[in-house]
Amino acid sequence: MAQRGLSKKHRDFVSEPIGDKHVTELAGVGAVIGRRMEKAGVSKASMVLGHYLAEREDPHRFQQWMKENYHASSKQSEDCYNCLKDWTASHVK
């Protein structure tokens, strides 16, 4: 995984086990999107990872889910997708 151009938030998330991380620790998920997700019952990053895996890691389907359900922008949904993709590549064998 290339480190160039990735946010500190992205690098920090990918470098550690997911554990009990809050959804706002995902790249692309700030306070506003995080509140929308929490209101819908999605408060943990592991819950978003579950959806990512359920969508078979399909970028279009995952990003559409972020946009339609939480009104994420294209950049936010892409950042979140890439964060989970890189985390999975580093932690799921």
PDB file of N, CA and C in Angstrom:
ATOM      1  N   MET A   1       0.845  -1.186   0.000  1.00  0.00           N
ATOM      2  CA  MET A   1       0.000   0.000   0.000  1.00  0.00           C
ATOM      3  C   MET A   1       0.885   1.242   0.000  1.00  0.00           C
ATOM      4  N   ALA A   2       0.701   2.103  -0.949  1.00  0.00           N
ATOM      5  CA  ALA A   2       1.466   3.342  -1.023  1.00  0.00           C
ATOM      6  C   ALA A   2       0.961   4.318   0.027  1.00  0.00           C
ATOM      7  N   GLN A   3       1.872   4.955   0.715  1.00  0.00           N
ATOM      8  CA  GLN A   3       1.508   5.911   1.750  1.00  0.00           C
ATOM      9  C   GLN A   3       1.324   7.320   1.193  1.00  0.00           C
ATOM     10  N   ARG A   4       1.871   7.576   0.008  1.00  0.00           N
ATOM     11  CA  ARG A   4       1.822   8.915  -0.564  1.00  0.00           C
ATOM     12  C   ARG A   4       0.373   9.334  -0.837  1.00  0.00           C
ATOM     13  N   GLY A   5       0.005  10.529  -0.420  1.00  0.00           N
ATOM     14  CA  GLY A   5      -1.299  11.086  -0.719  1.00  0.00           C
ATOM     15  C   GLY A   5      -2.409  10.644   0.218  1.00  0.00           C
ATOM     16  N   LEU A   6      -2.115   9.743   1.146  1.00  0.00           N
ATOM     17  CA  LEU A   6      -3.139   9.292   2.078  1.00  0.00           C
ATOM     18  C   LEU A   6      -3.150  10.188   3.307  1.00  0.00           C
ATOM     19  N   SER A   7      -4.349  10.428   3.831  1.00  0.00           N
ATOM     20  CA  SER A   7      -4.465  11.273   5.020  1.00  0.00           C
ATOM     21  C   SER A   7      -3.903  10.555   6.242  1.00  0.00           C
ATOM     22  N   LYS A   8      -3.555  11.324   7.248  1.00  0.00           N
ATOM     23  CA  LYS A   8      -3.088  10.757   8.509  1.00  0.00           C
ATOM     24  C   LYS A   8      -4.179   9.875   9.105  1.00  0.00           C
ATOM     25  N   LYS A   9      -5.418  10.305   8.988  1.00  0.00           N
ATOM     26  CA  LYS A   9      -6.541   9.535   9.505  1.00  0.00           C
ATOM     27  C   LYS A   9      -6.591   8.157   8.833  1.00  0.00           C
ATOM     28  N   HIS A  10      -6.416   8.140   7.524  1.00  0.00           N
ATOM     29  CA  HIS A  10      -6.401   6.887   6.761  1.00  0.00           C
ATOM     30  C   HIS A  10      -5.235   6.006   7.228  1.00  0.00           C
ATOM     31  N   ARG A  11      -4.052   6.553   7.271  1.00  0.00           N
ATOM     32  CA  ARG A  11      -2.867   5.780   7.671  1.00  0.00           C
ATOM     33  C   ARG A  11      -3.011   5.235   9.090  1.00  0.00           C
ATOM     34  N   ASP A  12      -3.508   6.074   9.997  1.00  0.00           N
ATOM     35  CA  ASP A  12      -3.683   5.640  11.388  1.00  0.00           C
ATOM     36  C   ASP A  12      -4.693   4.497  11.478  1.00  0.00           C
ATOM     37  N   PHE A  13      -5.805   4.617  10.774  1.00  0.00           N
ATOM     38  CA  PHE A  13      -6.832   3.578  10.822  1.00  0.00           C
ATOM     39  C   PHE A  13      -6.287   2.250  10.296  1.00  0.00           C
ATOM     40  N   VAL A  14      -5.623   2.303   9.160  1.00  0.00           N
ATOM     41  CA  VAL A  14      -5.123   1.087   8.507  1.00  0.00           C
ATOM     42  C   VAL A  14      -4.034   0.416   9.340  1.00  0.00           C
ATOM     43  N   SER A  15      -3.293   1.184  10.116  1.00  0.00           N
ATOM     44  CA  SER A  15      -2.142   0.633  10.845  1.00  0.00           C
ATOM     45  C   SER A  15      -2.515  -0.125  12.112  1.00  0.00           C
ATOM     46  N   GLU A  16      -3.777  -0.092  12.517  1.00  0.00           N
ATOM     47  CA  GLU A  16      -4.173  -0.694  13.791  1.00  0.00           C
ATOM     48  C   GLU A  16      -5.335  -1.663  13.615  1.00  0.00           C
ATOM     49  N   PRO A  17      -5.507  -2.599  14.572  1.00  0.00           N
ATOM     50  CA  PRO A  17      -6.698  -3.452  14.544  1.00  0.00           C
ATOM     51  C   PRO A  17      -7.958  -2.590  14.667  1.00  0.00           C
ATOM     52  N   ILE A  18      -9.053  -3.069  14.113  1.00  0.00           N
ATOM     53  CA  ILE A  18     -10.286  -2.280  14.105  1.00  0.00           C
ATOM     54  C   ILE A  18     -10.893  -2.165  15.500  1.00  0.00           C
ATOM     55  N   GLY A  19     -10.796  -3.234  16.277  1.00  0.00           N
ATOM     56  CA  GLY A  19     -11.262  -3.208  17.659  1.00  0.00           C
ATOM     57  C   GLY A  19     -12.624  -2.569  17.810  1.00  0.00           C
ATOM     58  N   ASP A  20     -12.694  -1.602  18.695  1.00  0.00           N
ATOM     59  CA  ASP A  20     -13.943  -0.933  19.041  1.00  0.00           C
ATOM     60  C   ASP A  20     -13.962   0.510  18.514  1.00  0.00           C
ATOM     61  N   LYS A  21     -13.261   0.742  17.409  1.00  0.00           N
ATOM     62  CA  LYS A  21     -13.134   2.106  16.883  1.00  0.00           C
ATOM     63  C   LYS A  21     -14.493   2.689  16.499  1.00  0.00           C
ATOM     64  N   HIS A  22     -14.633   3.965  16.785  1.00  0.00           N
ATOM     65  CA  HIS A  22     -15.845   4.698  16.420  1.00  0.00           C
ATOM     66  C   HIS A  22     -15.852   4.939  14.916  1.00  0.00           C
ATOM     67  N   VAL A  23     -17.027   5.045  14.365  1.00  0.00           N
ATOM     68  CA  VAL A  23     -17.184   5.225  12.924  1.00  0.00           C
ATOM     69  C   VAL A  23     -16.433   6.458  12.404  1.00  0.00           C
ATOM     70  N   THR A  24     -16.298   7.489  13.224  1.00  0.00           N
ATOM     71  CA  THR A  24     -15.608   8.706  12.770  1.00  0.00           C
ATOM     72  C   THR A  24     -14.099   8.529  12.667  1.00  0.00           C
ATOM     73  N   GLU A  25     -13.585   7.382  13.065  1.00  0.00           N
ATOM     74  CA  GLU A  25     -12.153   7.117  12.891  1.00  0.00           C
ATOM     75  C   GLU A  25     -11.837   6.642  11.476  1.00  0.00           C
ATOM     76  N   LEU A  26     -12.877   6.334  10.701  1.00  0.00           N
ATOM     77  CA  LEU A  26     -12.696   5.972   9.294  1.00  0.00           C
ATOM     78  C   LEU A  26     -12.420   7.216   8.464  1.00  0.00           C
ATOM     79  N   ALA A  27     -11.486   7.101   7.531  1.00  0.00           N
ATOM     80  CA  ALA A  27     -11.266   8.201   6.587  1.00  0.00           C
ATOM     81  C   ALA A  27     -12.569   8.433   5.833  1.00  0.00           C
ATOM     82  N   GLY A  28     -12.898   9.686   5.590  1.00  0.00           N
ATOM     83  CA  GLY A  28     -14.119  10.027   4.863  1.00  0.00           C
ATOM     84  C   GLY A  28     -15.333  10.214   5.745  1.00  0.00           C
ATOM     85  N   VAL A  29     -15.228   9.840   7.019  1.00  0.00           N
ATOM     86  CA  VAL A  29     -16.361   9.970   7.936  1.00  0.00           C
ATOM     87  C   VAL A  29     -15.997  10.981   9.013  1.00  0.00           C
ATOM     88  N   GLY A  30     -16.551  12.161   8.887  1.00  0.00           N
ATOM     89  CA  GLY A  30     -16.343  13.204   9.876  1.00  0.00           C
ATOM     90  C   GLY A  30     -17.513  13.267  10.839  1.00  0.00           C
ATOM     91  N   ALA A  31     -17.604  14.373  11.553  1.00  0.00           N
ATOM     92  CA  ALA A  31     -18.634  14.524  12.581  1.00  0.00           C
ATOM     93  C   ALA A  31     -20.051  14.462  12.012  1.00  0.00           C
ATOM     94  N   VAL A  32     -20.297  15.122  10.897  1.00  0.00           N
ATOM     95  CA  VAL A  32     -21.653  15.179  10.340  1.00  0.00           C
ATOM     96  C   VAL A  32     -22.097  13.805   9.838  1.00  0.00           C
ATOM     97  N   ILE A  33     -21.278  13.173   9.010  1.00  0.00           N
ATOM     98  CA  ILE A  33     -21.616  11.837   8.505  1.00  0.00           C
ATOM     99  C   ILE A  33     -21.681  10.865   9.684  1.00  0.00           C
ATOM    100  N   GLY A  34     -20.767  11.005  10.627  1.00  0.00           N
ATOM    101  CA  GLY A  34     -20.762  10.147  11.812  1.00  0.00           C
ATOM    102  C   GLY A  34     -22.061  10.237  12.594  1.00  0.00           C
ATOM    103  N   ARG A  35     -22.595  11.452  12.766  1.00  0.00           N
ATOM    104  CA  ARG A  35     -23.876  11.624  13.465  1.00  0.00           C
ATOM    105  C   ARG A  35     -25.009  10.961  12.689  1.00  0.00           C
ATOM    106  N   ARG A  36     -24.994  11.119  11.370  1.00  0.00           N
ATOM    107  CA  ARG A  36     -26.026  10.472  10.547  1.00  0.00           C
ATOM    108  C   ARG A  36     -25.959   8.953  10.680  1.00  0.00           C
ATOM    109  N   MET A  37     -24.758   8.431  10.696  1.00  0.00           N
ATOM    110  CA  MET A  37     -24.592   6.979  10.827  1.00  0.00           C
ATOM    111  C   MET A  37     -25.047   6.506  12.207  1.00  0.00           C
ATOM    112  N   GLU A  38     -24.652   7.235  13.235  1.00  0.00           N
ATOM    113  CA  GLU A  38     -25.058   6.872  14.596  1.00  0.00           C
ATOM    114  C   GLU A  38     -26.577   6.881  14.730  1.00  0.00           C
ATOM    115  N   LYS A  39     -27.204   7.893  14.164  1.00  0.00           N
ATOM    116  CA  LYS A  39     -28.670   8.009  14.224  1.00  0.00           C
ATOM    117  C   LYS A  39     -29.325   6.784  13.580  1.00  0.00           C
ATOM    118  N   ALA A  40     -28.665   6.207  12.572  1.00  0.00           N
ATOM    119  CA  ALA A  40     -29.172   5.012  11.891  1.00  0.00           C
ATOM    120  C   ALA A  40     -28.714   3.725  12.576  1.00  0.00           C
ATOM    121  N   GLY A  41     -28.006   3.850  13.705  1.00  0.00           N
ATOM    122  CA  GLY A  41     -27.578   2.675  14.449  1.00  0.00           C
ATOM    123  C   GLY A  41     -26.214   2.135  14.064  1.00  0.00           C
ATOM    124  N   VAL A  42     -25.468   2.890  13.267  1.00  0.00           N
ATOM    125  CA  VAL A  42     -24.128   2.460  12.835  1.00  0.00           C
ATOM    126  C   VAL A  42     -23.109   3.352  13.555  1.00  0.00           C
ATOM    127  N   SER A  43     -22.598   2.847  14.681  1.00  0.00           N
ATOM    128  CA  SER A  43     -21.693   3.674  15.479  1.00  0.00           C
ATOM    129  C   SER A  43     -20.247   3.184  15.477  1.00  0.00           C
ATOM    130  N   LYS A  44     -20.026   1.958  15.063  1.00  0.00           N
ATOM    131  CA  LYS A  44     -18.682   1.378  15.098  1.00  0.00           C
ATOM    132  C   LYS A  44     -18.142   1.166  13.688  1.00  0.00           C
ATOM    133  N   ALA A  45     -16.842   1.362  13.541  1.00  0.00           N
ATOM    134  CA  ALA A  45     -16.194   1.140  12.248  1.00  0.00           C
ATOM    135  C   ALA A  45     -16.372  -0.305  11.791  1.00  0.00           C
ATOM    136  N   SER A  46     -16.422  -1.229  12.743  1.00  0.00           N
ATOM    137  CA  SER A  46     -16.605  -2.643  12.386  1.00  0.00           C
ATOM    138  C   SER A  46     -17.949  -2.886  11.709  1.00  0.00           C
ATOM    139  N   MET A  47     -18.944  -2.089  12.029  1.00  0.00           N
ATOM    140  CA  MET A  47     -20.257  -2.215  11.390  1.00  0.00           C
ATOM    141  C   MET A  47     -20.178  -1.782   9.924  1.00  0.00           C
ATOM    142  N   VAL A  48     -19.400  -0.745   9.667  1.00  0.00           N
ATOM    143  CA  VAL A  48     -19.203  -0.276   8.290  1.00  0.00           C
ATOM    144  C   VAL A  48     -18.371  -1.312   7.528  1.00  0.00           C
ATOM    145  N   LEU A  49     -17.372  -1.879   8.186  1.00  0.00           N
ATOM    146  CA  LEU A  49     -16.583  -2.944   7.575  1.00  0.00           C
ATOM    147  C   LEU A  49     -17.486  -4.115   7.189  1.00  0.00           C
ATOM    148  N   GLY A  50     -18.408  -4.456   8.050  1.00  0.00           N
ATOM    149  CA  GLY A  50     -19.347  -5.532   7.751  1.00  0.00           C
ATOM    150  C   GLY A  50     -20.139  -5.255   6.490  1.00  0.00           C
ATOM    151  N   HIS A  51     -20.577  -4.013   6.331  1.00  0.00           N
ATOM    152  CA  HIS A  51     -21.316  -3.671   5.121  1.00  0.00           C
ATOM    153  C   HIS A  51     -20.402  -3.719   3.901  1.00  0.00           C
ATOM    154  N   TYR A  52     -19.197  -3.232   4.057  1.00  0.00           N
ATOM    155  CA  TYR A  52     -18.207  -3.283   2.973  1.00  0.00           C
ATOM    156  C   TYR A  52     -18.017  -4.730   2.504  1.00  0.00           C
ATOM    157  N   LEU A  53     -17.876  -5.645   3.446  1.00  0.00           N
ATOM    158  CA  LEU A  53     -17.679  -7.054   3.094  1.00  0.00           C
ATOM    159  C   LEU A  53     -18.957  -7.662   2.514  1.00  0.00           C
ATOM    160  N   ALA A  54     -20.116  -7.264   3.044  1.00  0.00           N
ATOM    161  CA  ALA A  54     -21.391  -7.775   2.528  1.00  0.00           C
ATOM    162  C   ALA A  54     -21.618  -7.333   1.081  1.00  0.00           C
ATOM    163  N   GLU A  55     -21.090  -6.187   0.741  1.00  0.00           N
ATOM    164  CA  GLU A  55     -21.201  -5.681  -0.637  1.00  0.00           C
ATOM    165  C   GLU A  55     -20.117  -6.290  -1.523  1.00  0.00           C
ATOM    166  N   ARG A  56     -19.427  -7.300  -1.014  1.00  0.00           N
ATOM    167  CA  ARG A  56     -18.359  -8.006  -1.726  1.00  0.00           C
ATOM    168  C   ARG A  56     -17.254  -7.061  -2.191  1.00  0.00           C
ATOM    169  N   GLU A  57     -17.018  -6.036  -1.370  1.00  0.00           N
ATOM    170  CA  GLU A  57     -15.943  -5.073  -1.619  1.00  0.00           C
ATOM    171  C   GLU A  57     -16.122  -4.325  -2.936  1.00  0.00           C
ATOM    172  N   ASP A  58     -17.363  -4.241  -3.405  1.00  0.00           N
ATOM    173  CA  ASP A  58     -17.665  -3.548  -4.662  1.00  0.00           C
ATOM    174  C   ASP A  58     -17.685  -2.040  -4.423  1.00  0.00           C
ATOM    175  N   PRO A  59     -16.790  -1.300  -5.076  1.00  0.00           N
ATOM    176  CA  PRO A  59     -16.705   0.138  -4.803  1.00  0.00           C
ATOM    177  C   PRO A  59     -17.996   0.882  -5.135  1.00  0.00           C
ATOM    178  N   HIS A  60     -18.618   0.558  -6.254  1.00  0.00           N
ATOM    179  CA  HIS A  60     -19.838   1.283  -6.642  1.00  0.00           C
ATOM    180  C   HIS A  60     -20.958   1.054  -5.624  1.00  0.00           C
ATOM    181  N   ARG A  61     -21.190  -0.191  -5.266  1.00  0.00           N
ATOM    182  CA  ARG A  61     -22.281  -0.496  -4.335  1.00  0.00           C
ATOM    183  C   ARG A  61     -22.023   0.101  -2.952  1.00  0.00           C
ATOM    184  N   PHE A  62     -20.785  -0.006  -2.471  1.00  0.00           N
ATOM    185  CA  PHE A  62     -20.475   0.549  -1.154  1.00  0.00           C
ATOM    186  C   PHE A  62     -20.636   2.070  -1.150  1.00  0.00           C
ATOM    187  N   GLN A  63     -20.106   2.718  -2.176  1.00  0.00           N
ATOM    188  CA  GLN A  63     -20.177   4.175  -2.223  1.00  0.00           C
ATOM    189  C   GLN A  63     -21.613   4.657  -2.403  1.00  0.00           C
ATOM    190  N   GLN A  64     -22.416   3.935  -3.176  1.00  0.00           N
ATOM    191  CA  GLN A  64     -23.839   4.283  -3.311  1.00  0.00           C
ATOM    192  C   GLN A  64     -24.533   4.193  -1.958  1.00  0.00           C
ATOM    193  N   TRP A  65     -24.218   3.149  -1.189  1.00  0.00           N
ATOM    194  CA  TRP A  65     -24.785   2.976   0.150  1.00  0.00           C
ATOM    195  C   TRP A  65     -24.459   4.179   1.033  1.00  0.00           C
ATOM    196  N   MET A  66     -23.212   4.634   0.998  1.00  0.00           N
ATOM    197  CA  MET A  66     -22.798   5.807   1.784  1.00  0.00           C
ATOM    198  C   MET A  66     -23.553   7.058   1.335  1.00  0.00           C
ATOM    199  N   LYS A  67     -23.677   7.239   0.033  1.00  0.00           N
ATOM    200  CA  LYS A  67     -24.330   8.432  -0.510  1.00  0.00           C
ATOM    201  C   LYS A  67     -25.830   8.430  -0.218  1.00  0.00           C
ATOM    202  N   GLU A  68     -26.477   7.300  -0.486  1.00  0.00           N
ATOM    203  CA  GLU A  68     -27.935   7.227  -0.339  1.00  0.00           C
ATOM    204  C   GLU A  68     -28.382   7.252   1.121  1.00  0.00           C
ATOM    205  N   ASN A  69     -27.643   6.590   1.987  1.00  0.00           N
ATOM    206  CA  ASN A  69     -28.074   6.475   3.377  1.00  0.00           C
ATOM    207  C   ASN A  69     -27.572   7.590   4.286  1.00  0.00           C
ATOM    208  N   TYR A  70     -26.403   8.135   3.989  1.00  0.00           N
ATOM    209  CA  TYR A  70     -25.801   9.112   4.898  1.00  0.00           C
ATOM    210  C   TYR A  70     -25.445  10.428   4.214  1.00  0.00           C
ATOM    211  N   HIS A  71     -25.839  10.558   2.955  1.00  0.00           N
ATOM    212  CA  HIS A  71     -25.605  11.782   2.168  1.00  0.00           C
ATOM    213  C   HIS A  71     -24.133  12.157   2.109  1.00  0.00           C
ATOM    214  N   ALA A  72     -23.280  11.132   2.028  1.00  0.00           N
ATOM    215  CA  ALA A  72     -21.846  11.365   1.871  1.00  0.00           C
ATOM    216  C   ALA A  72     -21.584  11.853   0.448  1.00  0.00           C
ATOM    217  N   SER A  73     -20.569  12.653   0.298  1.00  0.00           N
ATOM    218  CA  SER A  73     -20.159  13.106  -1.038  1.00  0.00           C
ATOM    219  C   SER A  73     -19.402  11.976  -1.731  1.00  0.00           C
ATOM    220  N   SER A  74     -19.128  12.166  -3.009  1.00  0.00           N
ATOM    221  CA  SER A  74     -18.339  11.176  -3.743  1.00  0.00           C
ATOM    222  C   SER A  74     -16.969  11.002  -3.109  1.00  0.00           C
ATOM    223  N   LYS A  75     -16.340  12.106  -2.720  1.00  0.00           N
ATOM    224  CA  LYS A  75     -15.006  12.023  -2.105  1.00  0.00           C
ATOM    225  C   LYS A  75     -15.067  11.319  -0.752  1.00  0.00           C
ATOM    226  N   GLN A  76     -16.044  11.655   0.069  1.00  0.00           N
ATOM    227  CA  GLN A  76     -16.161  11.019   1.380  1.00  0.00           C
ATOM    228  C   GLN A  76     -16.375   9.509   1.242  1.00  0.00           C
ATOM    229  N   SER A  77     -17.275   9.125   0.352  1.00  0.00           N
ATOM    230  CA  SER A  77     -17.563   7.696   0.185  1.00  0.00           C
ATOM    231  C   SER A  77     -16.365   6.960  -0.419  1.00  0.00           C
ATOM    232  N   GLU A  78     -15.642   7.614  -1.311  1.00  0.00           N
ATOM    233  CA  GLU A  78     -14.448   7.002  -1.895  1.00  0.00           C
ATOM    234  C   GLU A  78     -13.336   6.876  -0.849  1.00  0.00           C
ATOM    235  N   ASP A  79     -13.158   7.900  -0.030  1.00  0.00           N
ATOM    236  CA  ASP A  79     -12.140   7.849   1.028  1.00  0.00           C
ATOM    237  C   ASP A  79     -12.437   6.725   2.017  1.00  0.00           C
ATOM    238  N   CYS A  80     -13.699   6.573   2.380  1.00  0.00           N
ATOM    239  CA  CYS A  80     -14.090   5.522   3.316  1.00  0.00           C
ATOM    240  C   CYS A  80     -13.868   4.150   2.681  1.00  0.00           C
ATOM    241  N   TYR A  81     -14.275   3.996   1.437  1.00  0.00           N
ATOM    242  CA  TYR A  81     -14.070   2.737   0.721  1.00  0.00           C
ATOM    243  C   TYR A  81     -12.580   2.381   0.674  1.00  0.00           C
ATOM    244  N   ASN A  82     -11.747   3.336   0.291  1.00  0.00           N
ATOM    245  CA  ASN A  82     -10.300   3.070   0.177  1.00  0.00           C
ATOM    246  C   ASN A  82      -9.681   2.744   1.528  1.00  0.00           C
ATOM    247  N   CYS A  83     -10.165   3.380   2.569  1.00  0.00           N
ATOM    248  CA  CYS A  83      -9.672   3.111   3.915  1.00  0.00           C
ATOM    249  C   CYS A  83      -9.974   1.657   4.292  1.00  0.00           C
ATOM    250  N   LEU A  84     -11.200   1.215   4.044  1.00  0.00           N
ATOM    251  CA  LEU A  84     -11.576  -0.161   4.360  1.00  0.00           C
ATOM    252  C   LEU A  84     -10.865  -1.165   3.458  1.00  0.00           C
ATOM    253  N   LYS A  85     -10.683  -0.803   2.204  1.00  0.00           N
ATOM    254  CA  LYS A  85      -9.965  -1.675   1.268  1.00  0.00           C
ATOM    255  C   LYS A  85      -8.531  -1.886   1.755  1.00  0.00           C
ATOM    256  N   ASP A  86      -7.860  -0.806   2.132  1.00  0.00           N
ATOM    257  CA  ASP A  86      -6.483  -0.910   2.607  1.00  0.00           C
ATOM    258  C   ASP A  86      -6.392  -1.621   3.952  1.00  0.00           C
ATOM    259  N   TRP A  87      -7.374  -1.355   4.848  1.00  0.00           N
ATOM    260  CA  TRP A  87      -7.385  -2.043   6.128  1.00  0.00           C
ATOM    261  C   TRP A  87      -7.534  -3.539   5.918  1.00  0.00           C
ATOM    262  N   THR A  88      -8.462  -3.933   5.056  1.00  0.00           N
ATOM    263  CA  THR A  88      -8.700  -5.351   4.772  1.00  0.00           C
ATOM    264  C   THR A  88      -7.457  -6.003   4.174  1.00  0.00           C
ATOM    265  N   ALA A  89      -6.799  -5.324   3.265  1.00  0.00           N
ATOM    266  CA  ALA A  89      -5.577  -5.858   2.654  1.00  0.00           C
ATOM    267  C   ALA A  89      -4.483  -6.072   3.698  1.00  0.00           C
ATOM    268  N   SER A  90      -4.461  -5.240   4.732  1.00  0.00           N
ATOM    269  CA  SER A  90      -3.428  -5.343   5.770  1.00  0.00           C
ATOM    270  C   SER A  90      -3.776  -6.309   6.890  1.00  0.00           C
ATOM    271  N   HIS A  91      -5.074  -6.547   7.135  1.00  0.00           N
ATOM    272  CA  HIS A  91      -5.474  -7.285   8.337  1.00  0.00           C
ATOM    273  C   HIS A  91      -6.256  -8.570   8.080  1.00  0.00           C
ATOM    274  N   VAL A  92      -6.781  -8.749   6.898  1.00  0.00           N
ATOM    275  CA  VAL A  92      -7.570  -9.945   6.601  1.00  0.00           C
ATOM    276  C   VAL A  92      -6.798 -10.756   5.567  1.00  0.00           C
ATOM    277  N   LYS A  93      -6.410 -11.925   5.937  1.00  0.00           N
ATOM    278  CA  LYS A  93      -5.601 -12.763   5.040  1.00  0.00           C
ATOM    279  C   LYS A  93      -6.450 -13.836   4.406  1.00  0.00           C
TER     280      LYS A  93
END
